[in-house]
Amino acid sequence: MNKQELENRLIDFAAFIIILAGKFEKNYAGNHLGGQIIRSGTSPALNYGEAQSAESNKDFIHKMGVCLKELRETFVCLKIIEKANLTTDLVNLSMAKKEANELISIFVASIKTSKTNLK
């Protein structure tokens, strides 16, 4: 996967999260976690854009680490939403969890490779 393909995948994920959050229960918990997941689920695409303009290899690794942290936060948030029954759209919730997990794996591998190349 090249840089542009990963960026497009992150953008698609962000849009998917926004659409999914719009289907959450309209109560305090649904609104709170909806806002939280929109922030954490859109952040990786934005931070990945910043990583592409990193000023050094260390800066790149740091920005990629921010993407990874936000993806992990999103994944945990999706699990909470599932456990709390804040959406009836279980098919898309499952798809979002799967995509978040795959993106996490990609970022873990990329950061590992970047750290190895730094040495």
PDB file of N, CA and C in Angstrom:
ATOM      1  N   MET A   1       0.854  -1.179   0.000  1.00  0.00           N
ATOM      2  CA  MET A   1       0.000   0.000   0.000  1.00  0.00           C
ATOM      3  C   MET A   1       0.900   1.242   0.000  1.00  0.00           C
ATOM      4  N   ASN A   2       0.656   2.132  -0.934  1.00  0.00           N
ATOM      5  CA  ASN A   2       1.454   3.357  -0.979  1.00  0.00           C
ATOM      6  C   ASN A   2       0.833   4.440  -0.094  1.00  0.00           C
ATOM      7  N   LYS A   3       1.527   5.573  -0.006  1.00  0.00           N
ATOM      8  CA  LYS A   3       1.095   6.658   0.882  1.00  0.00           C
ATOM      9  C   LYS A   3      -0.301   7.175   0.526  1.00  0.00           C
ATOM     10  N   GLN A   4      -0.560   7.333  -0.760  1.00  0.00           N
ATOM     11  CA  GLN A   4      -1.850   7.871  -1.196  1.00  0.00           C
ATOM     12  C   GLN A   4      -2.992   6.889  -0.895  1.00  0.00           C
ATOM     13  N   GLU A   5      -2.732   5.612  -1.080  1.00  0.00           N
ATOM     14  CA  GLU A   5      -3.755   4.599  -0.784  1.00  0.00           C
ATOM     15  C   GLU A   5      -4.078   4.573   0.708  1.00  0.00           C
ATOM     16  N   LEU A   6      -3.054   4.688   1.544  1.00  0.00           N
ATOM     17  CA  LEU A   6      -3.293   4.706   2.991  1.00  0.00           C
ATOM     18  C   LEU A   6      -4.039   5.974   3.387  1.00  0.00           C
ATOM     19  N   GLU A   7      -3.648   7.098   2.815  1.00  0.00           N
ATOM     20  CA  GLU A   7      -4.360   8.340   3.115  1.00  0.00           C
ATOM     21  C   GLU A   7      -5.833   8.231   2.717  1.00  0.00           C
ATOM     22  N   ASN A   8      -6.101   7.687   1.549  1.00  0.00           N
ATOM     23  CA  ASN A   8      -7.488   7.515   1.109  1.00  0.00           C
ATOM     24  C   ASN A   8      -8.252   6.570   2.033  1.00  0.00           C
ATOM     25  N   ARG A   9      -7.583   5.536   2.484  1.00  0.00           N
ATOM     26  CA  ARG A   9      -8.229   4.590   3.413  1.00  0.00           C
ATOM     27  C   ARG A   9      -8.563   5.272   4.737  1.00  0.00           C
ATOM     28  N   LEU A  10      -7.676   6.119   5.213  1.00  0.00           N
ATOM     29  CA  LEU A  10      -7.934   6.862   6.451  1.00  0.00           C
ATOM     30  C   LEU A  10      -9.071   7.860   6.277  1.00  0.00           C
ATOM     31  N   ILE A  11      -9.134   8.499   5.124  1.00  0.00           N
ATOM     32  CA  ILE A  11     -10.225   9.431   4.838  1.00  0.00           C
ATOM     33  C   ILE A  11     -11.551   8.686   4.769  1.00  0.00           C
ATOM     34  N   ASP A  12     -11.554   7.536   4.112  1.00  0.00           N
ATOM     35  CA  ASP A  12     -12.772   6.718   4.048  1.00  0.00           C
ATOM     36  C   ASP A  12     -13.205   6.279   5.441  1.00  0.00           C
ATOM     37  N   PHE A  13     -12.231   5.901   6.279  1.00  0.00           N
ATOM     38  CA  PHE A  13     -12.531   5.495   7.646  1.00  0.00           C
ATOM     39  C   PHE A  13     -13.146   6.658   8.433  1.00  0.00           C
ATOM     40  N   ALA A  14     -12.579   7.835   8.287  1.00  0.00           N
ATOM     41  CA  ALA A  14     -13.093   9.021   8.986  1.00  0.00           C
ATOM     42  C   ALA A  14     -14.536   9.296   8.578  1.00  0.00           C
ATOM     43  N   ALA A  15     -14.810   9.247   7.275  1.00  0.00           N
ATOM     44  CA  ALA A  15     -16.173   9.487   6.793  1.00  0.00           C
ATOM     45  C   ALA A  15     -17.125   8.409   7.309  1.00  0.00           C
ATOM     46  N   PHE A  16     -16.661   7.175   7.335  1.00  0.00           N
ATOM     47  CA  PHE A  16     -17.475   6.063   7.828  1.00  0.00           C
ATOM     48  C   PHE A  16     -17.833   6.264   9.298  1.00  0.00           C
ATOM     49  N   ILE A  17     -16.859   6.705  10.089  1.00  0.00           N
ATOM     50  CA  ILE A  17     -17.089   6.953  11.517  1.00  0.00           C
ATOM     51  C   ILE A  17     -18.100   8.079  11.706  1.00  0.00           C
ATOM     52  N   ILE A  18     -17.992   9.142  10.925  1.00  0.00           N
ATOM     53  CA  ILE A  18     -18.937  10.260  11.027  1.00  0.00           C
ATOM     54  C   ILE A  18     -20.360   9.780  10.732  1.00  0.00           C
ATOM     55  N   ILE A  19     -20.511   8.991   9.688  1.00  0.00           N
ATOM     56  CA  ILE A  19     -21.832   8.472   9.322  1.00  0.00           C
ATOM     57  C   ILE A  19     -22.361   7.538  10.403  1.00  0.00           C
ATOM     58  N   LEU A  20     -21.494   6.655  10.906  1.00  0.00           N
ATOM     59  CA  LEU A  20     -21.898   5.720  11.955  1.00  0.00           C
ATOM     60  C   LEU A  20     -22.322   6.464  13.219  1.00  0.00           C
ATOM     61  N   ALA A  21     -21.577   7.487  13.608  1.00  0.00           N
ATOM     62  CA  ALA A  21     -21.889   8.251  14.823  1.00  0.00           C
ATOM     63  C   ALA A  21     -23.249   8.939  14.710  1.00  0.00           C
ATOM     64  N   GLY A  22     -23.649   9.278  13.521  1.00  0.00           N
ATOM     65  CA  GLY A  22     -24.949   9.897  13.310  1.00  0.00           C
ATOM     66  C   GLY A  22     -26.112   8.971  13.611  1.00  0.00           C
ATOM     67  N   LYS A  23     -25.828   7.680  13.755  1.00  0.00           N
ATOM     68  CA  LYS A  23     -26.866   6.685  14.024  1.00  0.00           C
ATOM     69  C   LYS A  23     -26.918   6.263  15.497  1.00  0.00           C
ATOM     70  N   PHE A  24     -26.076   6.880  16.341  1.00  0.00           N
ATOM     71  CA  PHE A  24     -26.065   6.509  17.752  1.00  0.00           C
ATOM     72  C   PHE A  24     -27.333   6.999  18.440  1.00  0.00           C
ATOM     73  N   GLU A  25     -27.653   6.352  19.558  1.00  0.00           N
ATOM     74  CA  GLU A  25     -28.794   6.762  20.371  1.00  0.00           C
ATOM     75  C   GLU A  25     -28.668   8.243  20.708  1.00  0.00           C
ATOM     76  N   LYS A  26     -29.783   8.929  20.683  1.00  0.00           N
ATOM     77  CA  LYS A  26     -29.792  10.373  20.988  1.00  0.00           C
ATOM     78  C   LYS A  26     -30.052  10.570  22.482  1.00  0.00           C
ATOM     79  N   ASN A  27     -29.030  10.259  23.266  1.00  0.00           N
ATOM     80  CA  ASN A  27     -29.074  10.486  24.707  1.00  0.00           C
ATOM     81  C   ASN A  27     -27.694  10.975  25.136  1.00  0.00           C
ATOM     82  N   TYR A  28     -27.512  11.192  26.421  1.00  0.00           N
ATOM     83  CA  TYR A  28     -26.244  11.761  26.892  1.00  0.00           C
ATOM     84  C   TYR A  28     -25.056  10.893  26.465  1.00  0.00           C
ATOM     85  N   ALA A  29     -25.134   9.593  26.703  1.00  0.00           N
ATOM     86  CA  ALA A  29     -24.019   8.697  26.369  1.00  0.00           C
ATOM     87  C   ALA A  29     -23.785   8.641  24.860  1.00  0.00           C
ATOM     88  N   GLY A  30     -24.853   8.542  24.099  1.00  0.00           N
ATOM     89  CA  GLY A  30     -24.727   8.501  22.648  1.00  0.00           C
ATOM     90  C   GLY A  30     -24.112   9.772  22.092  1.00  0.00           C
ATOM     91  N   ASN A  31     -24.550  10.902  22.619  1.00  0.00           N
ATOM     92  CA  ASN A  31     -23.991  12.189  22.174  1.00  0.00           C
ATOM     93  C   ASN A  31     -22.526  12.329  22.577  1.00  0.00           C
ATOM     94  N   HIS A  32     -22.230  11.934  23.814  1.00  0.00           N
ATOM     95  CA  HIS A  32     -20.854  12.041  24.308  1.00  0.00           C
ATOM     96  C   HIS A  32     -19.914  11.158  23.492  1.00  0.00           C
ATOM     97  N   LEU A  33     -20.244   9.885  23.364  1.00  0.00           N
ATOM     98  CA  LEU A  33     -19.363   8.973  22.637  1.00  0.00           C
ATOM     99  C   LEU A  33     -19.376   9.249  21.139  1.00  0.00           C
ATOM    100  N   GLY A  34     -20.476   9.774  20.633  1.00  0.00           N
ATOM    101  CA  GLY A  34     -20.522  10.174  19.231  1.00  0.00           C
ATOM    102  C   GLY A  34     -19.512  11.272  18.949  1.00  0.00           C
ATOM    103  N   GLY A  35     -19.492  12.273  19.812  1.00  0.00           N
ATOM    104  CA  GLY A  35     -18.517  13.351  19.656  1.00  0.00           C
ATOM    105  C   GLY A  35     -17.088  12.858  19.825  1.00  0.00           C
ATOM    106  N   GLN A  36     -16.904  11.987  20.812  1.00  0.00           N
ATOM    107  CA  GLN A  36     -15.565  11.456  21.089  1.00  0.00           C
ATOM    108  C   GLN A  36     -15.039  10.644  19.914  1.00  0.00           C
ATOM    109  N   ILE A  37     -15.883   9.795  19.363  1.00  0.00           N
ATOM    110  CA  ILE A  37     -15.415   8.932  18.272  1.00  0.00           C
ATOM    111  C   ILE A  37     -15.218   9.716  16.983  1.00  0.00           C
ATOM    112  N   ILE A  38     -15.977  10.773  16.810  1.00  0.00           N
ATOM    113  CA  ILE A  38     -15.746  11.622  15.630  1.00  0.00           C
ATOM    114  C   ILE A  38     -14.375  12.288  15.746  1.00  0.00           C
ATOM    115  N   ARG A  39     -14.018  12.746  16.938  1.00  0.00           N
ATOM    116  CA  ARG A  39     -12.700  13.365  17.117  1.00  0.00           C
ATOM    117  C   ARG A  39     -11.581  12.344  16.902  1.00  0.00           C
ATOM    118  N   SER A  40     -11.673  11.199  17.577  1.00  0.00           N
ATOM    119  CA  SER A  40     -10.583  10.223  17.477  1.00  0.00           C
ATOM    120  C   SER A  40     -10.575   9.502  16.129  1.00  0.00           C
ATOM    121  N   GLY A  41     -11.741   9.323  15.522  1.00  0.00           N
ATOM    122  CA  GLY A  41     -11.818   8.594  14.253  1.00  0.00           C
ATOM    123  C   GLY A  41     -11.428   9.412  13.036  1.00  0.00           C
ATOM    124  N   THR A  42     -11.491  10.736  13.153  1.00  0.00           N
ATOM    125  CA  THR A  42     -11.074  11.589  12.036  1.00  0.00           C
ATOM    126  C   THR A  42      -9.624  12.049  12.196  1.00  0.00           C
ATOM    127  N   SER A  43      -9.127  12.027  13.400  1.00  0.00           N
ATOM    128  CA  SER A  43      -7.773  12.493  13.686  1.00  0.00           C
ATOM    129  C   SER A  43      -6.674  11.758  12.905  1.00  0.00           C
ATOM    130  N   PRO A  44      -6.738  10.428  12.748  1.00  0.00           N
ATOM    131  CA  PRO A  44      -5.651   9.751  12.025  1.00  0.00           C
ATOM    132  C   PRO A  44      -5.452  10.258  10.596  1.00  0.00           C
ATOM    133  N   ALA A  45      -6.514  10.541   9.889  1.00  0.00           N
ATOM    134  CA  ALA A  45      -6.379  11.051   8.521  1.00  0.00           C
ATOM    135  C   ALA A  45      -5.670  12.405   8.531  1.00  0.00           C
ATOM    136  N   LEU A  46      -6.051  13.250   9.469  1.00  0.00           N
ATOM    137  CA  LEU A  46      -5.451  14.586   9.554  1.00  0.00           C
ATOM    138  C   LEU A  46      -3.984  14.509   9.977  1.00  0.00           C
ATOM    139  N   ASN A  47      -3.702  13.684  10.963  1.00  0.00           N
ATOM    140  CA  ASN A  47      -2.326  13.553  11.441  1.00  0.00           C
ATOM    141  C   ASN A  47      -1.431  12.840  10.438  1.00  0.00           C
ATOM    142  N   TYR A  48      -2.001  11.937   9.666  1.00  0.00           N
ATOM    143  CA  TYR A  48      -1.211  11.268   8.633  1.00  0.00           C
ATOM    144  C   TYR A  48      -0.778  12.282   7.577  1.00  0.00           C
ATOM    145  N   GLY A  49      -1.651  13.219   7.269  1.00  0.00           N
ATOM    146  CA  GLY A  49      -1.275  14.297   6.363  1.00  0.00           C
ATOM    147  C   GLY A  49      -0.099  15.093   6.897  1.00  0.00           C
ATOM    148  N   GLU A  50      -0.116  15.347   8.202  1.00  0.00           N
ATOM    149  CA  GLU A  50       1.009  16.049   8.830  1.00  0.00           C
ATOM    150  C   GLU A  50       2.279  15.200   8.791  1.00  0.00           C
ATOM    151  N   ALA A  51       2.128  13.901   8.995  1.00  0.00           N
ATOM    152  CA  ALA A  51       3.296  13.006   8.979  1.00  0.00           C
ATOM    153  C   ALA A  51       3.997  13.043   7.630  1.00  0.00           C
ATOM    154  N   GLN A  52       3.246  13.236   6.575  1.00  0.00           N
ATOM    155  CA  GLN A  52       3.844  13.285   5.235  1.00  0.00           C
ATOM    156  C   GLN A  52       4.720  14.519   5.052  1.00  0.00           C
ATOM    157  N   SER A  53       4.541  15.516   5.903  1.00  0.00           N
ATOM    158  CA  SER A  53       5.355  16.731   5.848  1.00  0.00           C
ATOM    159  C   SER A  53       6.287  16.827   7.057  1.00  0.00           C
ATOM    160  N   ALA A  54       6.598  15.701   7.637  1.00  0.00           N
ATOM    161  CA  ALA A  54       7.446  15.682   8.832  1.00  0.00           C
ATOM    162  C   ALA A  54       8.800  16.320   8.539  1.00  0.00           C
ATOM    163  N   GLU A  55       9.340  16.970   9.550  1.00  0.00           N
ATOM    164  CA  GLU A  55      10.604  17.680   9.397  1.00  0.00           C
ATOM    165  C   GLU A  55      11.820  16.778   9.574  1.00  0.00           C
ATOM    166  N   SER A  56      11.593  15.592  10.128  1.00  0.00           N
ATOM    167  CA  SER A  56      12.685  14.637  10.321  1.00  0.00           C
ATOM    168  C   SER A  56      12.084  13.243  10.465  1.00  0.00           C
ATOM    169  N   ASN A  57      12.951  12.240  10.498  1.00  0.00           N
ATOM    170  CA  ASN A  57      12.468  10.870  10.706  1.00  0.00           C
ATOM    171  C   ASN A  57      11.839  10.716  12.090  1.00  0.00           C
ATOM    172  N   LYS A  58      12.430  11.369  13.083  1.00  0.00           N
ATOM    173  CA  LYS A  58      11.864  11.310  14.438  1.00  0.00           C
ATOM    174  C   LYS A  58      10.491  11.975  14.482  1.00  0.00           C
ATOM    175  N   ASP A  59      10.350  13.089  13.789  1.00  0.00           N
ATOM    176  CA  ASP A  59       9.063  13.786  13.720  1.00  0.00           C
ATOM    177  C   ASP A  59       8.027  12.903  13.023  1.00  0.00           C
ATOM    178  N   PHE A  60       8.440  12.219  11.955  1.00  0.00           N
ATOM    179  CA  PHE A  60       7.548  11.303  11.240  1.00  0.00           C
ATOM    180  C   PHE A  60       7.057  10.191  12.175  1.00  0.00           C
ATOM    181  N   ILE A  61       7.980   9.590  12.891  1.00  0.00           N
ATOM    182  CA  ILE A  61       7.627   8.506  13.823  1.00  0.00           C
ATOM    183  C   ILE A  61       6.673   9.020  14.895  1.00  0.00           C
ATOM    184  N   HIS A  62       6.940  10.221  15.395  1.00  0.00           N
ATOM    185  CA  HIS A  62       6.055  10.800  16.415  1.00  0.00           C
ATOM    186  C   HIS A  62       4.641  10.997  15.874  1.00  0.00           C
ATOM    187  N   LYS A  63       4.528  11.579  14.694  1.00  0.00           N
ATOM    188  CA  LYS A  63       3.207  11.842  14.110  1.00  0.00           C
ATOM    189  C   LYS A  63       2.473  10.540  13.767  1.00  0.00           C
ATOM    190  N   MET A  64       3.221   9.545  13.322  1.00  0.00           N
ATOM    191  CA  MET A  64       2.610   8.234  13.062  1.00  0.00           C
ATOM    192  C   MET A  64       2.133   7.613  14.391  1.00  0.00           C
ATOM    193  N   GLY A  65       2.871   7.856  15.457  1.00  0.00           N
ATOM    194  CA  GLY A  65       2.464   7.379  16.781  1.00  0.00           C
ATOM    195  C   GLY A  65       1.180   8.033  17.247  1.00  0.00           C
ATOM    196  N   VAL A  66       1.000   9.308  16.925  1.00  0.00           N
ATOM    197  CA  VAL A  66      -0.250  10.000  17.255  1.00  0.00           C
ATOM    198  C   VAL A  66      -1.407   9.346  16.504  1.00  0.00           C
ATOM    199  N   CYS A  67      -1.193   9.035  15.237  1.00  0.00           N
ATOM    200  CA  CYS A  67      -2.230   8.344  14.447  1.00  0.00           C
ATOM    201  C   CYS A  67      -2.599   7.024  15.108  1.00  0.00           C
ATOM    202  N   LEU A  68      -1.584   6.272  15.522  1.00  0.00           N
ATOM    203  CA  LEU A  68      -1.812   4.969  16.155  1.00  0.00           C
ATOM    204  C   LEU A  68      -2.602   5.122  17.448  1.00  0.00           C
ATOM    205  N   LYS A  69      -2.244   6.092  18.270  1.00  0.00           N
ATOM    206  CA  LYS A  69      -2.963   6.313  19.531  1.00  0.00           C
ATOM    207  C   LYS A  69      -4.436   6.637  19.275  1.00  0.00           C
ATOM    208  N   GLU A  70      -4.699   7.462  18.285  1.00  0.00           N
ATOM    209  CA  GLU A  70      -6.079   7.838  17.965  1.00  0.00           C
ATOM    210  C   GLU A  70      -6.861   6.647  17.416  1.00  0.00           C
ATOM    211  N   LEU A  71      -6.212   5.814  16.624  1.00  0.00           N
ATOM    212  CA  LEU A  71      -6.879   4.612  16.115  1.00  0.00           C
ATOM    213  C   LEU A  71      -7.224   3.655  17.257  1.00  0.00           C
ATOM    214  N   ARG A  72      -6.305   3.504  18.198  1.00  0.00           N
ATOM    215  CA  ARG A  72      -6.581   2.627  19.351  1.00  0.00           C
ATOM    216  C   ARG A  72      -7.723   3.192  20.198  1.00  0.00           C
ATOM    217  N   GLU A  73      -7.735   4.508  20.369  1.00  0.00           N
ATOM    218  CA  GLU A  73      -8.824   5.140  21.114  1.00  0.00           C
ATOM    219  C   GLU A  73     -10.162   4.890  20.409  1.00  0.00           C
ATOM    220  N   THR A  74     -10.164   5.022  19.112  1.00  0.00           N
ATOM    221  CA  THR A  74     -11.380   4.792  18.329  1.00  0.00           C
ATOM    222  C   THR A  74     -11.852   3.356  18.481  1.00  0.00           C
ATOM    223  N   PHE A  75     -10.914   2.415  18.427  1.00  0.00           N
ATOM    224  CA  PHE A  75     -11.262   0.995  18.557  1.00  0.00           C
ATOM    225  C   PHE A  75     -11.909   0.708  19.912  1.00  0.00           C
ATOM    226  N   VAL A  76     -11.322   1.242  20.968  1.00  0.00           N
ATOM    227  CA  VAL A  76     -11.892   1.037  22.311  1.00  0.00           C
ATOM    228  C   VAL A  76     -13.265   1.701  22.409  1.00  0.00           C
ATOM    229  N   CYS A  77     -13.400   2.878  21.848  1.00  0.00           N
ATOM    230  CA  CYS A  77     -14.681   3.587  21.855  1.00  0.00           C
ATOM    231  C   CYS A  77     -15.754   2.759  21.138  1.00  0.00           C
ATOM    232  N   LEU A  78     -15.391   2.153  20.022  1.00  0.00           N
ATOM    233  CA  LEU A  78     -16.335   1.298  19.295  1.00  0.00           C
ATOM    234  C   LEU A  78     -16.779   0.114  20.157  1.00  0.00           C
ATOM    235  N   LYS A  79     -15.844  -0.441  20.921  1.00  0.00           N
ATOM    236  CA  LYS A  79     -16.194  -1.556  21.806  1.00  0.00           C
ATOM    237  C   LYS A  79     -17.141  -1.101  22.918  1.00  0.00           C
ATOM    238  N   ILE A  80     -16.922   0.095  23.454  1.00  0.00           N
ATOM    239  CA  ILE A  80     -17.818   0.635  24.483  1.00  0.00           C
ATOM    240  C   ILE A  80     -19.206   0.862  23.897  1.00  0.00           C
ATOM    241  N   ILE A  81     -19.264   1.436  22.711  1.00  0.00           N
ATOM    242  CA  ILE A  81     -20.546   1.691  22.044  1.00  0.00           C
ATOM    243  C   ILE A  81     -21.303   0.386  21.844  1.00  0.00           C
ATOM    244  N   GLU A  82     -20.582  -0.648  21.463  1.00  0.00           N
ATOM    245  CA  GLU A  82     -21.204  -1.961  21.271  1.00  0.00           C
ATOM    246  C   GLU A  82     -21.738  -2.504  22.597  1.00  0.00           C
ATOM    247  N   LYS A  83     -20.919  -2.471  23.635  1.00  0.00           N
ATOM    248  CA  LYS A  83     -21.322  -3.001  24.944  1.00  0.00           C
ATOM    249  C   LYS A  83     -22.497  -2.233  25.544  1.00  0.00           C
ATOM    250  N   ALA A  84     -22.543  -0.930  25.289  1.00  0.00           N
ATOM    251  CA  ALA A  84     -23.596  -0.081  25.853  1.00  0.00           C
ATOM    252  C   ALA A  84     -24.842  -0.027  24.961  1.00  0.00           C
ATOM    253  N   ASN A  85     -24.819  -0.759  23.852  1.00  0.00           N
ATOM    254  CA  ASN A  85     -25.967  -0.798  22.931  1.00  0.00           C
ATOM    255  C   ASN A  85     -26.399   0.604  22.483  1.00  0.00           C
ATOM    256  N   LEU A  86     -25.419   1.409  22.071  1.00  0.00           N
ATOM    257  CA  LEU A  86     -25.734   2.775  21.663  1.00  0.00           C
ATOM    258  C   LEU A  86     -26.090   2.893  20.181  1.00  0.00           C
ATOM    259  N   THR A  87     -26.035   1.774  19.475  1.00  0.00           N
ATOM    260  CA  THR A  87     -26.465   1.768  18.081  1.00  0.00           C
ATOM    261  C   THR A  87     -27.079   0.412  17.745  1.00  0.00           C
ATOM    262  N   THR A  88     -28.008   0.446  16.829  1.00  0.00           N
ATOM    263  CA  THR A  88     -28.595  -0.810  16.341  1.00  0.00           C
ATOM    264  C   THR A  88     -27.921  -1.248  15.037  1.00  0.00           C
ATOM    265  N   ASP A  89     -27.028  -0.406  14.514  1.00  0.00           N
ATOM    266  CA  ASP A  89     -26.336  -0.698  13.260  1.00  0.00           C
ATOM    267  C   ASP A  89     -25.107  -1.565  13.537  1.00  0.00           C
ATOM    268  N   LEU A  90     -25.354  -2.811  13.922  1.00  0.00           N
ATOM    269  CA  LEU A  90     -24.280  -3.702  14.345  1.00  0.00           C
ATOM    270  C   LEU A  90     -23.387  -4.140  13.183  1.00  0.00           C
ATOM    271  N   VAL A  91     -23.938  -4.190  11.980  1.00  0.00           N
ATOM    272  CA  VAL A  91     -23.133  -4.578  10.816  1.00  0.00           C
ATOM    273  C   VAL A  91     -22.044  -3.533  10.570  1.00  0.00           C
ATOM    274  N   ASN A  92     -22.435  -2.262  10.503  1.00  0.00           N
ATOM    275  CA  ASN A  92     -21.449  -1.202  10.279  1.00  0.00           C
ATOM    276  C   ASN A  92     -20.531  -1.002  11.476  1.00  0.00           C
ATOM    277  N   LEU A  93     -21.032  -1.239  12.667  1.00  0.00           N
ATOM    278  CA  LEU A  93     -20.189  -1.164  13.856  1.00  0.00           C
ATOM    279  C   LEU A  93     -19.089  -2.219  13.771  1.00  0.00           C
ATOM    280  N   SER A  94     -19.450  -3.420  13.378  1.00  0.00           N
ATOM    281  CA  SER A  94     -18.480  -4.502  13.213  1.00  0.00           C
ATOM    282  C   SER A  94     -17.463  -4.177  12.119  1.00  0.00           C
ATOM    283  N   MET A  95     -17.941  -3.603  11.021  1.00  0.00           N
ATOM    284  CA  MET A  95     -17.039  -3.214   9.937  1.00  0.00           C
ATOM    285  C   MET A  95     -16.057  -2.141  10.402  1.00  0.00           C
ATOM    286  N   ALA A  96     -16.537  -1.196  11.199  1.00  0.00           N
ATOM    287  CA  ALA A  96     -15.674  -0.130  11.715  1.00  0.00           C
ATOM    288  C   ALA A  96     -14.609  -0.709  12.646  1.00  0.00           C
ATOM    289  N   LYS A  97     -14.996  -1.650  13.495  1.00  0.00           N
ATOM    290  CA  LYS A  97     -14.031  -2.292  14.391  1.00  0.00           C
ATOM    291  C   LYS A  97     -12.969  -3.042  13.593  1.00  0.00           C
ATOM    292  N   LYS A  98     -13.390  -3.743  12.566  1.00  0.00           N
ATOM    293  CA  LYS A  98     -12.453  -4.495  11.724  1.00  0.00           C
ATOM    294  C   LYS A  98     -11.475  -3.555  11.024  1.00  0.00           C
ATOM    295  N   GLU A  99     -11.981  -2.479  10.459  1.00  0.00           N
ATOM    296  CA  GLU A  99     -11.118  -1.523   9.765  1.00  0.00           C
ATOM    297  C   GLU A  99     -10.172  -0.834  10.737  1.00  0.00           C
ATOM    298  N   ALA A 100     -10.656  -0.456  11.909  1.00  0.00           N
ATOM    299  CA  ALA A 100      -9.787   0.170  12.913  1.00  0.00           C
ATOM    300  C   ALA A 100      -8.660  -0.781  13.288  1.00  0.00           C
ATOM    301  N   ASN A 101      -8.989  -2.033  13.485  1.00  0.00           N
ATOM    302  CA  ASN A 101      -7.988  -3.034  13.858  1.00  0.00           C
ATOM    303  C   ASN A 101      -6.952  -3.219  12.748  1.00  0.00           C
ATOM    304  N   GLU A 102      -7.402  -3.249  11.505  1.00  0.00           N
ATOM    305  CA  GLU A 102      -6.472  -3.386  10.383  1.00  0.00           C
ATOM    306  C   GLU A 102      -5.566  -2.162  10.267  1.00  0.00           C
ATOM    307  N   LEU A 103      -6.135  -0.972  10.452  1.00  0.00           N
ATOM    308  CA  LEU A 103      -5.332   0.246  10.396  1.00  0.00           C
ATOM    309  C   LEU A 103      -4.314   0.286  11.536  1.00  0.00           C
ATOM    310  N   ILE A 104      -4.715  -0.176  12.702  1.00  0.00           N
ATOM    311  CA  ILE A 104      -3.788  -0.258  13.834  1.00  0.00           C
ATOM    312  C   ILE A 104      -2.596  -1.129  13.453  1.00  0.00           C
ATOM    313  N   SER A 105      -2.869  -2.279  12.853  1.00  0.00           N
ATOM    314  CA  SER A 105      -1.791  -3.190  12.446  1.00  0.00           C
ATOM    315  C   SER A 105      -0.859  -2.536  11.433  1.00  0.00           C
ATOM    316  N   ILE A 106      -1.419  -1.799  10.495  1.00  0.00           N
ATOM    317  CA  ILE A 106      -0.609  -1.102   9.486  1.00  0.00           C
ATOM    318  C   ILE A 106       0.301  -0.079  10.154  1.00  0.00           C
ATOM    319  N   PHE A 107      -0.241   0.682  11.092  1.00  0.00           N
ATOM    320  CA  PHE A 107       0.560   1.722  11.743  1.00  0.00           C
ATOM    321  C   PHE A 107       1.614   1.128  12.668  1.00  0.00           C
ATOM    322  N   VAL A 108       1.294   0.038  13.348  1.00  0.00           N
ATOM    323  CA  VAL A 108       2.289  -0.627  14.189  1.00  0.00           C
ATOM    324  C   VAL A 108       3.467  -1.067  13.328  1.00  0.00           C
ATOM    325  N   ALA A 109       3.176  -1.699  12.195  1.00  0.00           N
ATOM    326  CA  ALA A 109       4.237  -2.180  11.301  1.00  0.00           C
ATOM    327  C   ALA A 109       5.037  -1.017  10.715  1.00  0.00           C
ATOM    328  N   SER A 110       4.364   0.039  10.326  1.00  0.00           N
ATOM    329  CA  SER A 110       5.044   1.190   9.729  1.00  0.00           C
ATOM    330  C   SER A 110       5.963   1.874  10.730  1.00  0.00           C
ATOM    331  N   ILE A 111       5.490   2.030  11.953  1.00  0.00           N
ATOM    332  CA  ILE A 111       6.312   2.658  12.991  1.00  0.00           C
ATOM    333  C   ILE A 111       7.523   1.780  13.303  1.00  0.00           C
ATOM    334  N   LYS A 112       7.293   0.492  13.374  1.00  0.00           N
ATOM    335  CA  LYS A 112       8.395  -0.445  13.647  1.00  0.00           C
ATOM    336  C   LYS A 112       9.457  -0.346  12.550  1.00  0.00           C
ATOM    337  N   THR A 113       9.016  -0.341  11.298  1.00  0.00           N
ATOM    338  CA  THR A 113       9.949  -0.226  10.172  1.00  0.00           C
ATOM    339  C   THR A 113      10.695   1.102  10.217  1.00  0.00           C
ATOM    340  N   SER A 114       9.977   2.182  10.507  1.00  0.00           N
ATOM    341  CA  SER A 114      10.612   3.504  10.577  1.00  0.00           C
ATOM    342  C   SER A 114      11.640   3.574  11.682  1.00  0.00           C
ATOM    343  N   LYS A 115      11.349   2.963  12.813  1.00  0.00           N
ATOM    344  CA  LYS A 115      12.312   2.947  13.926  1.00  0.00           C
ATOM    345  C   LYS A 115      13.538   2.136  13.563  1.00  0.00           C
ATOM    346  N   THR A 116      13.347   1.029  12.868  1.00  0.00           N
ATOM    347  CA  THR A 116      14.474   0.197  12.439  1.00  0.00           C
ATOM    348  C   THR A 116      15.341   0.969  11.454  1.00  0.00           C
ATOM    349  N   ASN A 117      14.715   1.669  10.519  1.00  0.00           N
ATOM    350  CA  ASN A 117      15.443   2.462   9.524  1.00  0.00           C
ATOM    351  C   ASN A 117      16.161   3.647  10.146  1.00  0.00           C
ATOM    352  N   LEU A 118      15.667   4.117  11.282  1.00  0.00           N
ATOM    353  CA  LEU A 118      16.273   5.257  11.965  1.00  0.00           C
ATOM    354  C   LEU A 118      17.639   4.886  12.547  1.00  0.00           C
ATOM    355  N   LYS A 119      17.755   3.623  12.933  1.00  0.00           N
ATOM    356  CA  LYS A 119      19.016   3.143  13.550  1.00  0.00           C
ATOM    357  C   LYS A 119      20.025   2.980  12.487  1.00  0.00           C
TER     358      LYS A 119
END
